[in-house]
Protein backbone atom coordinates (compact mmCIF):
# COMPACT_ATOMS: atom_id res chain seq x y z
CA MET A 1 -31.69 113.58 304.29
CA SER A 2 -30.28 116.77 302.45
CA LYS A 3 -32.55 119.58 302.85
CA LYS A 4 -34.08 121.12 299.04
CA ASN A 5 -35.32 124.28 298.12
CA LEU A 6 -38.44 123.40 297.69
CA VAL A 7 -39.65 127.26 296.04
CA GLY A 8 -38.91 127.47 292.28
CA ASN A 9 -40.02 130.56 290.79
CA HIS A 10 -39.59 131.92 287.05
CA ILE A 11 -38.05 135.07 287.39
CA ARG A 12 -35.73 134.87 284.55
CA LYS A 13 -38.22 133.80 282.35
CA LEU A 14 -40.25 136.96 282.93
CA ARG A 15 -37.27 139.43 283.07
CA PHE A 16 -36.37 138.22 279.33
CA ASN A 17 -40.49 138.49 278.71
CA HIS A 18 -40.39 141.85 280.33
CA GLY A 19 -38.41 143.81 277.80
CA GLU A 20 -35.05 141.74 278.41
CA MET A 21 -35.41 143.64 282.25
CA THR A 22 -32.00 143.15 283.37
CA GLN A 23 -31.21 141.58 287.53
CA LEU A 24 -30.22 144.48 288.45
CA GLN A 25 -33.26 146.60 287.41
CA LEU A 26 -35.27 144.07 289.19
CA ALA A 27 -33.52 144.52 292.14
CA ASP A 28 -33.70 148.16 291.89
CA LYS A 29 -37.50 148.05 291.41
CA VAL A 30 -38.60 145.61 294.69
CA GLY A 31 -35.31 147.07 296.60
CA VAL A 32 -33.22 144.20 296.70
CA THR A 33 -29.67 143.63 295.54
CA ARG A 34 -28.77 142.14 292.75
CA GLN A 35 -26.87 139.06 294.35
CA THR A 36 -30.12 138.70 295.84
CA ILE A 37 -32.19 138.64 292.59
CA VAL A 38 -28.97 135.95 291.10
CA ALA A 39 -29.64 134.05 294.21
CA LEU A 40 -33.54 133.71 293.60
CA GLU A 41 -32.95 132.51 289.99
CA LYS A 42 -30.51 129.73 290.94
CA GLY A 43 -33.00 128.54 293.26
CA ASN A 44 -30.37 129.17 296.53
CA TYR A 45 -32.92 131.50 298.49
CA SER A 46 -36.57 131.70 299.13
CA PRO A 47 -38.00 135.36 299.10
CA SER A 48 -39.99 136.25 301.95
CA LEU A 49 -43.29 137.21 301.72
CA GLU A 50 -43.73 140.64 301.05
CA LEU A 51 -40.36 140.25 298.70
CA ALA A 52 -42.17 137.38 296.52
CA PHE A 53 -45.36 139.61 296.43
CA ARG A 54 -43.07 143.10 295.27
CA ILE A 55 -41.46 140.81 292.63
CA ALA A 56 -44.79 139.43 291.62
CA HIS A 57 -46.23 143.45 291.17
CA ALA A 58 -42.72 144.37 289.40
CA PHE A 59 -44.11 141.86 286.70
CA ASN A 60 -48.00 142.85 287.33
CA LEU A 61 -48.49 139.00 287.73
CA PRO A 62 -50.71 137.44 290.49
CA LEU A 63 -48.06 135.83 293.40
CA GLU A 64 -48.16 131.82 291.74
CA GLU A 65 -47.51 132.99 287.89
CA VAL A 66 -44.29 134.12 289.61
CA PHE A 67 -43.23 131.27 292.27
CA PHE A 68 -43.85 127.40 292.92
CA TYR A 69 -43.92 124.84 295.08
CA GLU A 70 -42.45 121.89 293.89
CA ASP A 71 -43.75 119.14 296.28
CA ASP A 72 -40.83 116.34 297.62
CA SER A 73 -42.80 114.21 298.53
CA LYS A 74 -43.44 112.69 294.93
CA LEU A 75 -40.15 111.78 295.02
């Protein structure tokens, strides 16, 4: 059984909706590398709770409007 990353996000869409913010601009704003933002957008990495809140804060949105949980029990 393969382990699927169940935490999804809308980061890529939100960056473009916020003045076409670059991955580097977001990374600098939340204190991570651009590679971390790339991995998050691709769904290859689940952020810590602290980082998730920092990203949501960067977009001035509640956490649940940036991140979502995919329940694989429905598959």
